[in-house]
């Protein structure tokens, strides 16, 4: 199976490494303890606590495998890789929509996307539309509500 490249900022890399470390050292032990306690309740066929603990164990192990794959295929975008004249991953943009409303956000790889904290994925409609563009360019983004035009007012790293 070919794993896709994971594009991360140095902060994103640290965050994934910390999550992986926590899952391997703390969470695995917690889940194993829950399973052990649930087994002590007796009959496993009607033991919902045991089922919940086993499901949590499966989820935790799956997340560990996902994180290991992401880190194995990580490409870290260094601040020196980010240009201030062309939009790329790591760029912080100021856009203006047709109504004159300004938006500011940073383009990041999909694992780091967090729209609530102004981090937009390079794979999102807006991210794809602005990559490779320059200050002053106007882009059209297809959104569920229809096409939205944005003008790039600023790019910084």
C-alpha atoms as a PDB file:
ATOM      1  CA  UNK A   1       0.000   0.000   0.000  1.00  0.00           C
ATOM      2  CA  UNK A   2       1.425   3.361  -0.996  1.00  0.00           C
ATOM      3  CA  UNK A   3       1.100   5.845   1.816  1.00  0.00           C
ATOM      4  CA  UNK A   4       0.612   9.444   0.847  1.00  0.00           C
ATOM      5  CA  UNK A   5       3.121  12.072   1.840  1.00  0.00           C
ATOM      6  CA  UNK A   6       2.190  13.947   5.012  1.00  0.00           C
ATOM      7  CA  UNK A   7       3.077  17.618   4.844  1.00  0.00           C
ATOM      8  CA  UNK A   8       3.687  19.174   8.258  1.00  0.00           C
ATOM      9  CA  UNK A   9       5.058  22.302   9.843  1.00  0.00           C
ATOM     10  CA  UNK A  10       7.658  21.780  12.593  1.00  0.00           C
ATOM     11  CA  UNK A  11       4.891  22.478  15.155  1.00  0.00           C
ATOM     12  CA  UNK A  12       2.602  19.926  13.496  1.00  0.00           C
ATOM     13  CA  UNK A  13       5.367  17.320  13.552  1.00  0.00           C
ATOM     14  CA  UNK A  14       5.922  17.918  17.277  1.00  0.00           C
ATOM     15  CA  UNK A  15       2.189  17.660  17.959  1.00  0.00           C
ATOM     16  CA  UNK A  16       1.884  14.300  16.153  1.00  0.00           C
ATOM     17  CA  UNK A  17       5.013  12.946  17.873  1.00  0.00           C
ATOM     18  CA  UNK A  18       3.607  13.998  21.275  1.00  0.00           C
ATOM     19  CA  UNK A  19       0.250  12.359  20.538  1.00  0.00           C
ATOM     20  CA  UNK A  20       1.976   9.140  19.443  1.00  0.00           C
ATOM     21  CA  UNK A  21       4.147   9.112  22.573  1.00  0.00           C
ATOM     22  CA  UNK A  22       1.097   9.651  24.790  1.00  0.00           C
ATOM     23  CA  UNK A  23      -0.855   6.855  23.089  1.00  0.00           C
ATOM     24  CA  UNK A  24       2.044   4.394  23.364  1.00  0.00           C
ATOM     25  CA  UNK A  25       3.043   5.141  26.953  1.00  0.00           C
ATOM     26  CA  UNK A  26      -0.091   6.345  28.755  1.00  0.00           C
ATOM     27  CA  UNK A  27      -3.191   5.381  26.792  1.00  0.00           C
ATOM     28  CA  UNK A  28      -2.152   1.782  26.089  1.00  0.00           C
ATOM     29  CA  UNK A  29      -1.625   1.197  29.833  1.00  0.00           C
ATOM     30  CA  UNK A  30      -4.955   2.835  30.729  1.00  0.00           C
ATOM     31  CA  UNK A  31      -6.844   0.693  28.214  1.00  0.00           C
ATOM     32  CA  UNK A  32      -5.071  -2.511  29.293  1.00  0.00           C
ATOM     33  CA  UNK A  33      -6.037  -1.726  32.905  1.00  0.00           C
ATOM     34  CA  UNK A  34      -9.688  -1.147  31.877  1.00  0.00           C
ATOM     35  CA  UNK A  35      -9.722  -4.506  30.071  1.00  0.00           C
ATOM     36  CA  UNK A  36      -8.217  -6.236  33.105  1.00  0.00           C
ATOM     37  CA  UNK A  37     -10.808  -4.661  35.433  1.00  0.00           C
ATOM     38  CA  UNK A  38     -13.654  -5.515  33.066  1.00  0.00           C
ATOM     39  CA  UNK A  39     -12.537  -9.161  32.930  1.00  0.00           C
ATOM     40  CA  UNK A  40     -12.811  -9.260  36.721  1.00  0.00           C
ATOM     41  CA  UNK A  41     -16.553  -8.480  36.387  1.00  0.00           C
ATOM     42  CA  UNK A  42     -17.088 -12.027  35.147  1.00  0.00           C
ATOM     43  CA  UNK A  43     -19.068 -13.239  32.124  1.00  0.00           C
ATOM     44  CA  UNK A  44     -17.501 -11.518  29.080  1.00  0.00           C
ATOM     45  CA  UNK A  45     -20.435 -12.295  26.769  1.00  0.00           C
ATOM     46  CA  UNK A  46     -22.682  -9.757  28.524  1.00  0.00           C
ATOM     47  CA  UNK A  47     -19.998  -7.397  29.785  1.00  0.00           C
ATOM     48  CA  UNK A  48     -20.459  -3.984  28.152  1.00  0.00           C
ATOM     49  CA  UNK A  49     -17.498  -2.557  30.076  1.00  0.00           C
ATOM     50  CA  UNK A  50     -15.258  -5.208  28.497  1.00  0.00           C
ATOM     51  CA  UNK A  51     -16.667  -4.497  25.010  1.00  0.00           C
ATOM     52  CA  UNK A  52     -16.118  -0.740  25.454  1.00  0.00           C
ATOM     53  CA  UNK A  53     -12.551  -1.295  26.629  1.00  0.00           C
ATOM     54  CA  UNK A  54     -11.805  -3.633  23.689  1.00  0.00           C
ATOM     55  CA  UNK A  55     -13.260  -1.059  21.251  1.00  0.00           C
ATOM     56  CA  UNK A  56     -11.138   1.671  22.827  1.00  0.00           C
ATOM     57  CA  UNK A  57      -8.098  -0.571  22.516  1.00  0.00           C
ATOM     58  CA  UNK A  58      -8.816  -1.137  18.802  1.00  0.00           C
ATOM     59  CA  UNK A  59      -9.268   2.602  18.239  1.00  0.00           C
ATOM     60  CA  UNK A  60      -6.041   3.422  20.113  1.00  0.00           C
ATOM     61  CA  UNK A  61      -4.014   0.833  18.189  1.00  0.00           C
ATOM     62  CA  UNK A  62      -5.503   2.076  14.903  1.00  0.00           C
ATOM     63  CA  UNK A  63      -4.590   5.667  15.742  1.00  0.00           C
ATOM     64  CA  UNK A  64      -1.040   4.583  16.638  1.00  0.00           C
ATOM     65  CA  UNK A  65      -0.682   2.880  13.238  1.00  0.00           C
ATOM     66  CA  UNK A  66      -2.081   5.967  11.473  1.00  0.00           C
ATOM     67  CA  UNK A  67       0.304   8.308  13.291  1.00  0.00           C
ATOM     68  CA  UNK A  68       3.291   6.036  12.629  1.00  0.00           C
ATOM     69  CA  UNK A  69       2.424   6.027   8.920  1.00  0.00           C
ATOM     70  CA  UNK A  70       2.031   9.805   8.838  1.00  0.00           C
ATOM     71  CA  UNK A  71       5.358  10.328  10.599  1.00  0.00           C
ATOM     72  CA  UNK A  72       7.101   7.768   8.379  1.00  0.00           C
ATOM     73  CA  UNK A  73       5.964   9.719   5.304  1.00  0.00           C
ATOM     74  CA  UNK A  74       6.314  13.198   6.778  1.00  0.00           C
ATOM     75  CA  UNK A  75       7.780  16.090   4.852  1.00  0.00           C
ATOM     76  CA  UNK A  76       8.400  18.986   7.192  1.00  0.00           C
ATOM     77  CA  UNK A  77       7.986  22.437   5.693  1.00  0.00           C
ATOM     78  CA  UNK A  78      10.667  24.654   7.129  1.00  0.00           C
ATOM     79  CA  UNK A  79       9.993  28.383   7.379  1.00  0.00           C
ATOM     80  CA  UNK A  80      12.864  28.876   4.892  1.00  0.00           C
ATOM     81  CA  UNK A  81      10.912  26.816   2.323  1.00  0.00           C
ATOM     82  CA  UNK A  82       8.007  29.253   2.487  1.00  0.00           C
ATOM     83  CA  UNK A  83       8.179  32.134   0.047  1.00  0.00           C
ATOM     84  CA  UNK A  84       6.461  35.449   0.622  1.00  0.00           C
ATOM     85  CA  UNK A  85       5.690  36.126  -3.048  1.00  0.00           C
ATOM     86  CA  UNK A  86       3.785  32.916  -3.917  1.00  0.00           C
ATOM     87  CA  UNK A  87       1.233  31.033  -1.819  1.00  0.00           C
ATOM     88  CA  UNK A  88       2.571  27.699  -0.568  1.00  0.00           C
ATOM     89  CA  UNK A  89       2.060  25.427   2.415  1.00  0.00           C
ATOM     90  CA  UNK A  90       3.125  27.437   5.441  1.00  0.00           C
ATOM     91  CA  UNK A  91       2.016  30.765   3.941  1.00  0.00           C
ATOM     92  CA  UNK A  92      -0.192  33.043   5.987  1.00  0.00           C
ATOM     93  CA  UNK A  93      -2.654  34.834   3.742  1.00  0.00           C
ATOM     94  CA  UNK A  94      -4.904  37.806   3.916  1.00  0.00           C
ATOM     95  CA  UNK A  95      -7.855  37.411   1.538  1.00  0.00           C
ATOM     96  CA  UNK A  96     -10.756  39.703   0.801  1.00  0.00           C
ATOM     97  CA  UNK A  97     -14.096  38.344  -0.378  1.00  0.00           C
ATOM     98  CA  UNK A  98     -16.552  40.058  -2.717  1.00  0.00           C
ATOM     99  CA  UNK A  99     -18.301  41.736   0.222  1.00  0.00           C
ATOM    100  CA  UNK A 100     -15.056  43.352   1.397  1.00  0.00           C
ATOM    101  CA  UNK A 101     -14.684  40.995   4.363  1.00  0.00           C
ATOM    102  CA  UNK A 102     -11.078  40.111   5.174  1.00  0.00           C
ATOM    103  CA  UNK A 103      -9.961  36.606   6.152  1.00  0.00           C
ATOM    104  CA  UNK A 104      -6.545  35.686   7.492  1.00  0.00           C
ATOM    105  CA  UNK A 105      -5.352  32.092   7.719  1.00  0.00           C
ATOM    106  CA  UNK A 106      -2.367  29.828   7.247  1.00  0.00           C
ATOM    107  CA  UNK A 107      -2.171  27.037   4.646  1.00  0.00           C
ATOM    108  CA  UNK A 108      -1.117  23.767   6.327  1.00  0.00           C
ATOM    109  CA  UNK A 109      -1.016  20.076   5.465  1.00  0.00           C
ATOM    110  CA  UNK A 110      -4.288  18.238   6.085  1.00  0.00           C
ATOM    111  CA  UNK A 111      -3.276  16.636   9.443  1.00  0.00           C
ATOM    112  CA  UNK A 112      -2.816  20.111  10.919  1.00  0.00           C
ATOM    113  CA  UNK A 113      -5.964  21.694   9.500  1.00  0.00           C
ATOM    114  CA  UNK A 114      -7.923  23.511  12.186  1.00  0.00           C
ATOM    115  CA  UNK A 115     -10.301  26.102  10.724  1.00  0.00           C
ATOM    116  CA  UNK A 116     -11.306  27.270  14.214  1.00  0.00           C
ATOM    117  CA  UNK A 117      -7.684  28.386  14.663  1.00  0.00           C
ATOM    118  CA  UNK A 118      -7.290  29.783  11.126  1.00  0.00           C
ATOM    119  CA  UNK A 119      -5.365  26.802   9.736  1.00  0.00           C
ATOM    120  CA  UNK A 120      -6.745  25.700   6.353  1.00  0.00           C
ATOM    121  CA  UNK A 121      -5.740  22.457   4.632  1.00  0.00           C
ATOM    122  CA  UNK A 122      -3.863  22.604   1.345  1.00  0.00           C
ATOM    123  CA  UNK A 123      -6.417  20.009   0.163  1.00  0.00           C
ATOM    124  CA  UNK A 124      -9.473  22.147   0.992  1.00  0.00           C
ATOM    125  CA  UNK A 125     -11.244  24.036  -1.822  1.00  0.00           C
ATOM    126  CA  UNK A 126      -9.756  27.360  -0.673  1.00  0.00           C
ATOM    127  CA  UNK A 127      -6.319  25.824  -0.124  1.00  0.00           C
ATOM    128  CA  UNK A 128      -6.249  24.278  -3.609  1.00  0.00           C
ATOM    129  CA  UNK A 129      -7.480  27.520  -5.192  1.00  0.00           C
ATOM    130  CA  UNK A 130      -4.792  29.746  -3.667  1.00  0.00           C
ATOM    131  CA  UNK A 131      -1.692  27.510  -3.899  1.00  0.00           C
ATOM    132  CA  UNK A 132       0.813  28.921  -6.376  1.00  0.00           C
ATOM    133  CA  UNK A 133      -1.006  32.247  -6.643  1.00  0.00           C
ATOM    134  CA  UNK A 134       0.411  35.716  -5.954  1.00  0.00           C
ATOM    135  CA  UNK A 135      -0.639  38.874  -4.138  1.00  0.00           C
ATOM    136  CA  UNK A 136      -3.331  40.640  -6.166  1.00  0.00           C
ATOM    137  CA  UNK A 137      -4.613  37.431  -7.807  1.00  0.00           C
ATOM    138  CA  UNK A 138      -8.323  36.702  -7.639  1.00  0.00           C
ATOM    139  CA  UNK A 139      -9.448  33.103  -7.210  1.00  0.00           C
ATOM    140  CA  UNK A 140     -12.878  31.507  -7.421  1.00  0.00           C
ATOM    141  CA  UNK A 141     -13.714  28.793  -4.913  1.00  0.00           C
ATOM    142  CA  UNK A 142     -16.620  26.413  -5.397  1.00  0.00           C
ATOM    143  CA  UNK A 143     -18.463  26.205  -2.086  1.00  0.00           C
ATOM    144  CA  UNK A 144     -21.723  24.428  -1.264  1.00  0.00           C
ATOM    145  CA  UNK A 145     -23.488  27.799  -1.383  1.00  0.00           C
ATOM    146  CA  UNK A 146     -21.982  28.600  -4.818  1.00  0.00           C
ATOM    147  CA  UNK A 147     -18.869  30.225  -6.212  1.00  0.00           C
ATOM    148  CA  UNK A 148     -17.005  32.674  -3.953  1.00  0.00           C
ATOM    149  CA  UNK A 149     -14.325  35.035  -5.249  1.00  0.00           C
ATOM    150  CA  UNK A 150     -11.366  36.004  -3.094  1.00  0.00           C
ATOM    151  CA  UNK A 151      -8.583  38.456  -3.822  1.00  0.00           C
ATOM    152  CA  UNK A 152      -5.190  37.763  -2.252  1.00  0.00           C
ATOM    153  CA  UNK A 153      -4.277  40.928  -0.338  1.00  0.00           C
ATOM    154  CA  UNK A 154      -1.128  39.672   1.380  1.00  0.00           C
ATOM    155  CA  UNK A 155       1.221  36.699   1.747  1.00  0.00           C
ATOM    156  CA  UNK A 156       3.716  36.216   4.550  1.00  0.00           C
ATOM    157  CA  UNK A 157       5.631  33.341   6.012  1.00  0.00           C
END
